Protein backbone atom coordinates (compact mmCIF):
# COMPACT_ATOMS: atom_id res chain seq x y z
CA MET A 1 71.79 85.42 109.37
CA ASN A 2 72.52 88.72 111.09
CA PHE A 3 75.10 88.66 113.86
CA ASP A 4 75.57 91.32 116.53
CA PRO A 5 78.58 90.85 118.85
CA SER A 6 76.85 92.99 121.49
CA ASP A 7 73.76 90.76 121.55
CA PRO A 8 73.10 89.49 125.11
CA VAL A 9 72.87 85.91 123.82
CA ASN A 10 76.59 86.17 123.00
CA PRO A 11 78.04 87.59 126.26
CA SER A 12 81.33 85.71 125.95
CA LEU A 13 82.14 87.53 122.73
CA ARG A 14 82.23 90.93 124.42
CA SER A 15 85.29 89.89 126.43
CA LEU A 16 87.33 89.14 123.33
CA SER A 17 89.66 91.63 121.72
CA ARG A 18 88.99 92.83 118.19
CA ARG A 19 91.74 90.60 116.81
CA GLY A 20 90.59 87.71 118.98
CA LEU A 21 87.04 88.07 117.68
CA LEU A 22 88.24 88.11 114.11
CA ARG A 23 90.37 85.06 114.70
CA ALA A 24 87.52 83.27 116.43
CA SER A 25 85.51 83.74 113.25
CA VAL A 26 88.15 82.49 110.80
CA ALA A 27 86.95 78.90 110.65
CA GLY A 28 83.36 79.98 110.08
CA SER A 29 84.29 82.52 107.45
CA VAL A 30 86.44 80.07 105.55
CA ALA A 31 83.66 77.49 105.63
CA GLY A 32 81.24 80.09 104.31
CA CYS A 33 83.41 81.25 101.44
CA MET A 34 84.69 77.94 100.12
CA ALA A 35 82.32 76.20 97.75
CA GLY A 36 82.39 72.42 97.88
CA LEU A 37 85.11 72.20 100.55
CA GLY A 38 84.65 72.85 104.25
CA ALA A 39 87.21 74.54 106.46
CA SER A 40 87.83 71.28 108.32
CA ASP A 41 88.89 69.63 105.05
CA LEU A 42 91.33 72.43 104.37
CA PHE A 43 92.73 72.39 107.89
CA ALA A 44 93.09 68.62 108.13
CA SER A 45 94.49 68.08 104.66
CA PRO A 46 98.29 68.58 104.97
CA ARG A 47 100.34 65.58 103.90
CA LEU A 48 102.94 63.97 106.11
CA GLY A 49 106.36 64.73 104.69
CA PRO A 50 107.47 67.19 101.98
CA ARG A 51 105.67 67.97 98.75
CA LEU A 52 106.22 65.49 95.97
CA PRO A 53 108.84 66.56 93.45
CA LEU A 54 107.76 67.99 90.12
CA ARG A 55 109.50 67.40 86.81
CA ALA A 56 113.23 67.76 87.32
CA ASP A 57 113.61 69.36 83.88
CA ARG A 58 111.15 72.16 84.68
CA LYS A 59 111.75 75.30 86.70
CA THR A 60 108.03 75.96 87.09
CA LYS A 61 106.62 75.01 90.50
CA HIS A 62 103.56 77.29 90.49
CA VAL A 63 101.05 78.15 87.74
CA VAL A 64 98.36 80.83 87.48
CA LEU A 65 95.77 80.30 84.73
CA VAL A 66 93.70 83.43 84.03
CA MET A 67 90.57 82.72 81.98
CA MET A 68 89.25 85.96 80.52
CA SER A 69 85.66 84.78 80.49
CA GLY A 70 82.90 87.12 79.40
CA GLY A 71 84.14 87.41 75.82
CA VAL A 72 87.20 89.49 74.90
CA ARG A 73 88.19 90.31 71.31
CA SER A 74 91.82 90.47 70.26
CA ARG A 75 91.06 93.89 68.75
CA GLU A 76 90.74 95.35 72.26
CA THR A 77 93.77 93.53 73.67
CA PHE A 78 96.80 92.98 71.46
CA GLY A 79 95.13 94.87 68.64
CA SER A 80 95.07 97.90 70.96
CA PRO A 81 98.35 97.55 72.88
CA GLN A 82 97.90 100.87 74.70
CA GLN A 83 94.95 99.29 76.54
CA VAL A 84 96.87 96.27 77.83
CA PRO A 85 100.49 97.30 78.56
CA ASN A 86 100.93 94.53 81.12
CA LEU A 87 99.75 91.79 78.76
CA VAL A 88 102.00 93.21 76.07
CA ARG A 89 104.93 93.05 78.46
CA LEU A 90 104.12 89.43 79.31
CA ALA A 91 103.96 88.59 75.61
CA LYS A 92 107.36 90.16 74.96
CA GLU A 93 108.80 88.08 77.78
CA GLY A 94 106.95 84.93 76.76
CA VAL A 95 104.90 83.36 73.96
CA LEU A 96 101.94 85.05 72.28
CA TYR A 97 99.30 83.07 70.40
CA THR A 98 97.31 85.20 67.97
CA ARG A 99 94.93 82.53 66.59
CA LEU A 100 93.51 80.38 69.36
CA ARG A 101 90.33 78.74 68.09
CA THR A 102 87.61 78.76 70.72
CA ALA A 103 85.65 75.65 71.64
CA ASN A 104 82.19 77.04 72.34
CA LEU A 105 80.36 80.35 71.95
CA GLY A 106 78.45 80.24 75.24
CA HIS A 107 80.15 81.40 78.45
CA PHE A 108 79.59 78.26 80.52
CA GLY A 109 80.72 75.74 77.93
CA ALA A 110 83.58 77.88 76.63
CA SER A 111 85.28 78.30 80.00
CA MET A 112 84.61 74.69 80.97
CA SER A 113 86.28 73.63 77.71
CA ILE A 114 89.45 75.47 78.73
CA VAL A 115 89.75 73.54 82.02
CA THR A 116 88.76 70.13 80.65
CA GLY A 117 90.65 70.28 77.36
CA ILE A 118 87.48 69.08 75.61
CA SER A 119 85.03 71.03 73.44
CA GLU A 120 82.10 70.94 75.83
CA ALA A 121 78.62 71.11 74.28
CA ARG A 122 77.16 73.22 77.06
CA GLY A 123 74.58 75.96 76.70
CA ILE A 124 74.94 79.43 78.10
CA ARG A 125 72.36 78.76 80.82
CA ASP A 126 73.50 75.27 81.83
CA ASN A 127 74.54 75.01 85.44
CA ALA A 128 75.78 71.55 86.36
CA ARG A 129 79.08 69.77 86.71
CA GLY A 130 80.21 67.93 83.63
CA PRO A 131 81.31 64.30 83.24
CA ASP A 132 84.89 65.20 82.29
CA PRO A 133 87.85 65.73 84.66
CA THR A 134 89.35 69.19 84.91
CA LEU A 135 92.94 70.36 84.93
CA PHE A 136 92.74 70.74 88.69
CA GLU A 137 91.78 67.10 89.16
CA TYR A 138 94.52 65.80 86.87
CA VAL A 139 97.21 67.75 88.70
CA ARG A 140 95.96 67.01 92.21
CA LYS A 141 95.63 63.29 91.61
CA ASP A 142 98.88 62.75 89.70
CA LEU A 143 100.98 64.83 92.10
CA ASP A 144 99.12 63.82 95.29
CA LEU A 145 98.40 67.45 96.14
CA SER A 146 96.32 68.72 99.06
CA PRO A 147 93.40 71.19 98.81
CA GLN A 148 95.81 73.98 99.82
CA ASP A 149 97.83 73.34 96.66
CA VAL A 150 95.10 73.84 94.04
CA TRP A 151 92.62 76.75 94.02
CA ILE A 152 90.17 78.49 91.73
CA ALA A 153 89.10 82.11 92.30
CA THR A 154 85.95 83.11 90.45
CA ALA A 155 84.46 86.48 89.61
CA GLY A 156 81.06 85.26 90.77
CA GLY A 157 78.04 83.34 89.62
CA ALA A 158 76.78 79.90 90.53
CA GLN A 159 77.98 78.40 87.24
CA GLN A 160 81.66 79.05 87.84
CA VAL A 161 82.00 76.76 90.86
CA ASN A 162 81.39 73.89 88.43
CA TYR A 163 84.86 74.40 86.96
CA ALA A 164 86.52 73.10 90.14
CA TYR A 165 85.87 69.44 89.32
CA GLY A 166 83.78 67.11 87.19
CA LEU A 167 81.93 63.88 87.92
CA HIS A 168 84.23 61.32 86.33
CA ALA A 169 84.45 58.21 88.52
CA ASP A 170 88.26 58.21 88.53
CA TYR A 171 88.51 61.85 89.64
CA GLY A 172 85.71 64.00 91.08
CA PRO A 173 85.38 66.15 94.22
CA ARG A 174 88.17 64.51 96.21
CA TYR A 175 90.60 65.94 93.63
CA GLY A 176 88.83 69.25 92.98
CA ALA A 177 90.14 72.77 93.35
CA THR A 178 89.37 74.74 96.51
CA THR A 179 86.96 77.41 95.29
CA LEU A 180 86.69 81.05 96.37
CA ASP A 181 83.99 83.33 95.00
CA SER A 182 84.90 87.02 94.88
CA ASP A 183 81.48 87.97 96.28
CA GLY A 184 81.74 85.45 99.09
CA VAL A 185 85.15 86.07 100.60
CA PHE A 186 83.53 86.42 104.02
CA ASN A 187 80.28 85.02 105.29
CA GLU A 188 77.70 87.33 106.85
CA GLU A 189 78.77 86.67 110.44
CA PHE A 190 82.36 87.55 109.66
CA LYS A 191 81.34 90.68 107.74
CA ALA A 192 79.29 91.80 110.73
CA LEU A 193 82.32 91.47 112.99
CA VAL A 194 84.43 93.51 110.61
CA ARG A 195 81.81 96.25 110.51
CA GLN A 196 81.61 96.25 114.31
CA PHE A 197 85.30 96.17 115.16
CA GLY A 198 87.13 97.26 112.00
CA ALA A 199 89.86 95.44 110.13
CA PRO A 200 92.97 94.65 112.15
CA ARG A 201 96.36 95.94 111.17
CA PRO A 202 98.63 93.27 109.71
CA PHE A 203 101.20 91.76 112.06
CA ASP A 204 104.71 93.09 111.90
CA ASP A 205 107.62 90.63 111.88
CA LYS A 206 108.15 90.86 115.64
CA SER A 207 104.51 90.12 116.41
CA SER A 208 104.42 87.25 113.93
CA LYS A 209 107.43 85.61 115.58
CA LYS A 210 105.81 85.89 119.01
CA VAL A 211 102.61 84.29 117.76
CA ASP A 212 104.56 81.51 116.04
CA ALA A 213 106.41 80.82 119.29
CA MET A 214 103.13 80.67 121.19
CA ARG A 215 101.68 78.21 118.68
CA ALA A 216 104.79 76.02 118.96
CA ALA A 217 104.53 76.02 122.76
CA LEU A 218 100.87 75.06 122.60
CA ARG A 219 101.58 72.19 120.22
CA LYS A 220 104.31 70.93 122.56
CA ALA A 221 102.00 71.11 125.55
CA GLN A 222 99.34 69.18 123.65
CA GLY A 223 101.69 66.41 122.61
CA GLY A 224 102.85 67.90 119.33
CA GLY A 225 103.45 65.52 116.46
CA LYS A 226 103.69 66.05 112.72
CA VAL A 227 99.96 65.98 112.11
CA ALA A 228 99.24 68.56 114.84
CA ALA A 229 102.03 70.78 113.57
CA ARG A 230 100.81 70.71 109.99
CA GLU A 231 97.19 71.27 110.94
CA ALA A 232 98.26 74.26 113.06
CA GLU A 233 100.29 75.59 110.16
CA ALA A 234 97.32 75.20 107.81
CA LYS A 235 95.06 77.11 110.18
CA ALA A 236 97.64 79.85 110.56
CA ARG A 237 97.88 80.23 106.79
CA VAL A 238 94.11 80.55 106.44
CA GLU A 239 94.10 83.10 109.26
CA ARG A 240 96.80 85.13 107.55
CA TYR A 241 94.91 84.96 104.26
CA ILE A 242 91.74 86.31 105.89
CA LEU A 243 93.65 89.16 107.55
CA ASP A 244 95.48 89.97 104.31
CA GLU A 245 92.16 90.14 102.49
CA LEU A 246 90.83 92.56 105.10
CA GLY A 247 93.93 94.70 105.10
CA GLY A 248 94.14 94.73 101.33
CA GLY A 249 90.59 95.96 100.92
CA THR A 250 89.57 93.31 98.38
CA SER A 251 85.94 93.40 99.48
CA GLU A 252 85.87 97.18 99.03
CA LEU A 253 86.70 97.15 95.31
CA ARG A 254 83.93 98.84 93.32
CA GLY A 255 83.03 99.98 89.83
CA ALA A 256 83.30 98.45 86.36
CA GLY A 257 85.15 95.16 86.52
CA SER A 258 85.15 95.00 90.31
CA SER A 259 84.26 91.29 90.42
CA ASP A 260 87.18 90.51 88.13
CA ALA A 261 89.47 92.75 90.17
CA LYS A 262 88.46 90.93 93.36
CA ALA A 263 89.13 87.51 91.81
CA LEU A 264 92.59 88.59 90.64
CA ARG A 265 93.36 90.19 94.02
CA MET A 266 92.34 86.97 95.77
CA ALA A 267 94.61 84.98 93.49
CA ARG A 268 97.50 87.28 94.32
CA ASN A 269 96.93 86.86 98.06
CA LEU A 270 96.46 83.11 97.77
CA LEU A 271 99.74 82.83 95.92
CA SER A 272 101.65 84.85 98.51
CA VAL A 273 100.15 83.02 101.53
CA PHE A 274 99.58 79.41 100.50
CA ARG A 275 102.22 79.08 97.76
CA PRO A 276 99.86 76.75 95.84
CA ARG A 277 100.94 74.75 92.82
CA LEU A 278 98.01 75.84 90.68
CA ILE A 279 95.51 78.71 90.76
CA GLY A 280 92.75 79.20 88.22
CA VAL A 281 91.11 82.63 87.94
CA VAL A 282 87.76 82.94 86.15
CA LEU A 283 86.79 86.47 85.08
CA GLN A 284 83.40 87.55 83.71
CA ASP A 285 82.89 91.32 83.70
CA ALA A 286 83.74 91.78 80.00
CA ASP A 287 80.23 90.56 79.21
CA VAL A 288 79.06 94.10 79.96
CA ALA A 289 79.95 94.57 76.28
CA HIS A 290 76.40 93.56 75.29
CA GLY A 291 75.20 96.96 76.39
CA SER A 292 78.27 99.21 76.39
CA PHE A 293 81.45 99.09 74.35
CA ASN A 294 83.02 101.76 76.56
CA SER A 295 82.37 99.82 79.77
CA TYR A 296 83.76 96.70 78.14
CA SER A 297 86.94 98.56 77.22
CA GLU A 298 87.23 99.85 80.79
CA VAL A 299 86.96 96.29 82.13
CA ILE A 300 89.78 95.20 79.84
CA ARG A 301 92.00 98.06 81.03
CA ARG A 302 91.23 97.37 84.68
CA ASN A 303 91.87 93.64 84.28
CA ASP A 304 95.17 94.34 82.60
CA ALA A 305 96.18 96.52 85.55
CA ALA A 306 95.16 93.79 88.02
CA ILE A 307 97.10 91.17 86.06
CA GLY A 308 100.05 93.55 86.20
CA GLU A 309 99.73 93.74 90.00
CA LEU A 310 99.64 89.95 90.21
CA VAL A 311 102.77 89.59 88.08
CA GLU A 312 104.59 92.30 90.02
CA ALA A 313 103.83 90.41 93.24
CA ILE A 314 105.39 87.34 91.64
CA ARG A 315 108.44 89.30 90.50
CA GLY A 316 108.90 90.74 93.99
CA ASP A 317 108.78 87.39 95.78
CA ASP A 318 112.08 85.52 96.15
CA GLU A 319 110.43 82.10 96.07
CA LEU A 320 107.94 82.77 93.28
CA ARG A 321 110.03 84.94 90.97
CA ASP A 322 111.85 82.16 89.10
CA SER A 323 109.35 79.35 89.68
CA THR A 324 105.96 80.72 88.54
CA SER A 325 104.31 80.58 85.13
CA VAL A 326 101.25 82.58 84.06
CA PHE A 327 98.80 81.71 81.29
CA VAL A 328 96.14 84.15 80.08
CA VAL A 329 93.43 83.02 77.62
CA PRO A 330 89.97 84.40 76.73
CA GLU A 331 87.08 81.95 76.44
CA PHE A 332 86.04 83.48 73.09
CA GLY A 333 85.94 86.87 71.35
CA ARG A 334 83.01 89.07 70.31
CA ASP A 335 81.18 90.06 67.12
CA SER A 336 82.89 92.10 64.44
CA ASP A 337 80.39 94.97 64.53
CA LEU A 338 78.58 96.96 67.20
CA ASN A 339 74.94 96.17 67.92
CA THR A 340 72.12 98.70 68.09
CA ARG A 341 72.95 99.43 71.75
CA ARG A 342 76.50 100.43 70.81
CA GLY A 343 77.74 97.22 72.34
CA LEU A 344 79.16 93.88 71.18
CA ASP A 345 77.34 90.56 71.22
CA HIS A 346 78.82 87.11 70.49
CA GLY A 347 76.92 85.30 67.76
CA ASP A 348 78.04 86.31 64.27
CA GLY A 349 80.52 83.44 63.73
CA SER A 350 83.26 85.84 62.62
CA ASP A 351 86.99 85.39 63.20
CA ASP A 352 86.73 88.17 65.81
CA LEU A 353 84.47 85.84 67.75
CA ARG A 354 86.02 82.44 67.07
CA PHE A 355 89.72 83.31 67.44
CA VAL A 356 91.37 84.92 70.46
CA SER A 357 94.88 85.80 71.61
CA GLY A 358 96.55 84.19 74.61
CA VAL A 359 99.87 84.35 76.44
CA ALA A 360 102.21 81.87 78.14
CA TRP A 361 104.85 83.43 80.41
CA GLY A 362 107.28 81.69 82.72
CA PRO A 363 110.80 80.47 83.43
CA ASP A 364 110.58 77.43 81.12
CA PHE A 365 109.23 79.26 78.08
CA ARG A 366 110.67 80.96 75.04
CA ARG A 367 110.81 84.75 75.03
CA ASN A 368 109.30 87.26 72.62
CA VAL A 369 107.84 84.58 70.34
CA VAL A 370 104.63 85.02 68.34
CA ILE A 371 102.76 81.92 67.15
CA LYS A 372 100.45 82.84 64.27
CA ASP A 373 99.40 79.31 63.37
CA ASP A 374 96.04 78.02 64.53
CA ARG A 375 95.92 76.47 67.98
CA ARG A 376 92.97 75.85 70.34
CA THR A 377 91.91 77.07 73.76
CA ILE A 378 91.47 73.40 74.75
CA ASP A 379 95.24 72.97 74.34
CA PHE A 380 95.93 74.82 77.59
CA THR A 381 94.86 72.05 79.97
CA PRO A 382 97.14 69.35 78.49
CA THR A 383 99.96 71.91 78.27
CA ILE A 384 99.75 72.96 81.91
CA ALA A 385 99.38 69.33 83.01
CA ASP A 386 102.51 68.47 81.02
CA LEU A 387 104.38 71.36 82.62
CA PHE A 388 103.74 69.76 86.02
CA GLY A 389 104.56 66.23 84.87
CA SER A 390 100.89 65.28 84.93
CA LYS A 391 98.81 63.96 82.02
CA ALA A 392 95.36 65.15 80.95
CA ARG A 393 94.37 61.65 79.88
CA LEU A 394 90.87 62.38 78.57
CA ALA A 395 91.53 65.81 77.09
CA LYS A 396 91.27 66.26 73.32
CA GLY A 397 93.68 69.19 73.15
CA LYS A 398 97.38 68.85 72.46
CA VAL A 399 100.43 69.95 74.43
CA LEU A 400 101.79 73.26 73.10
CA ARG A 401 105.38 72.08 73.08
CA GLU A 402 106.58 75.08 71.08
CA ILE A 403 106.37 77.22 74.23
CA TYR A 404 109.35 75.49 75.81
CA ALA A 405 112.77 77.09 75.61
């Protein structure tokens, strides 16, 4: 649907300021960019009272899980440390696994296996939710978390929204992750407004305080109450997220690996605005390797830089710095040898394909430890659930207890 603010059928819009127009579109844009969860659900979801406590023996309150989907060999990551200086730094400050056995050799099933903790027998072209609960569902249900607390940012593609939740009767959509697609940050109406009026400048502290005071006065005039206050706060957070996305230029990222870069940038902004408990990030651009080894290597370098930006944002935030853990794990590797197109496929059954390297970094973990024994990518879901005090009851993986300090 094309939308023109100057269209005579929309005369009331012409009287709004640029910022007012953008704000008036927030609800619609959020509804358009969230798969499986409407804006009204997000706005109306805050709980009454404070967040439930997490495990008292854990410092971690927030987790980012980066799934390097698309197929990434260890040879181009920790086997080529000059390409991934940020991942190397994380490994030196955390735990590095050098032999993570993958669960599936097709993109859809391999990434789904990471979030369910089960080796999913799914083909590369399958596109349907599975019967098994995901990490996001376990954590949301056990900790009674709202949709604002659990997110998944994807690099694009209809398949990836299926990782937000499964169809198990005891879990399902009511416990799923709020999903953002990097190519659908804004719906078409919102994009048209941005093109027409330009992106607003972010509020400074003085302006933000004035707006907060106005919101408080409006709530008081309308009767106030805890529910009204929390719904207003939720809307304000979504508004700030939209404006931060515009100001940060996420939608303008281009070139090799741009979808991955957008997903990681969204995760960074989500973390700074919503302070969620759990964010999953699903990448995909490394699959360009089928046709070009050089482009594949460039995607790896760009993703490492984006992961570095995400971690630096965590380090620079007083609340997140000592309470956030980051996990990075590829879905599988790639073939040992180049194909006839000077690229890398994923079908030879070699160790380069079946074993990958992953990292666990955070305030509860050991430092500068390398685990060379075999572990599995399906071990990450039970491990992250355990970190939160949740339990991945149906997962087949095991908790990686050796990460703990």
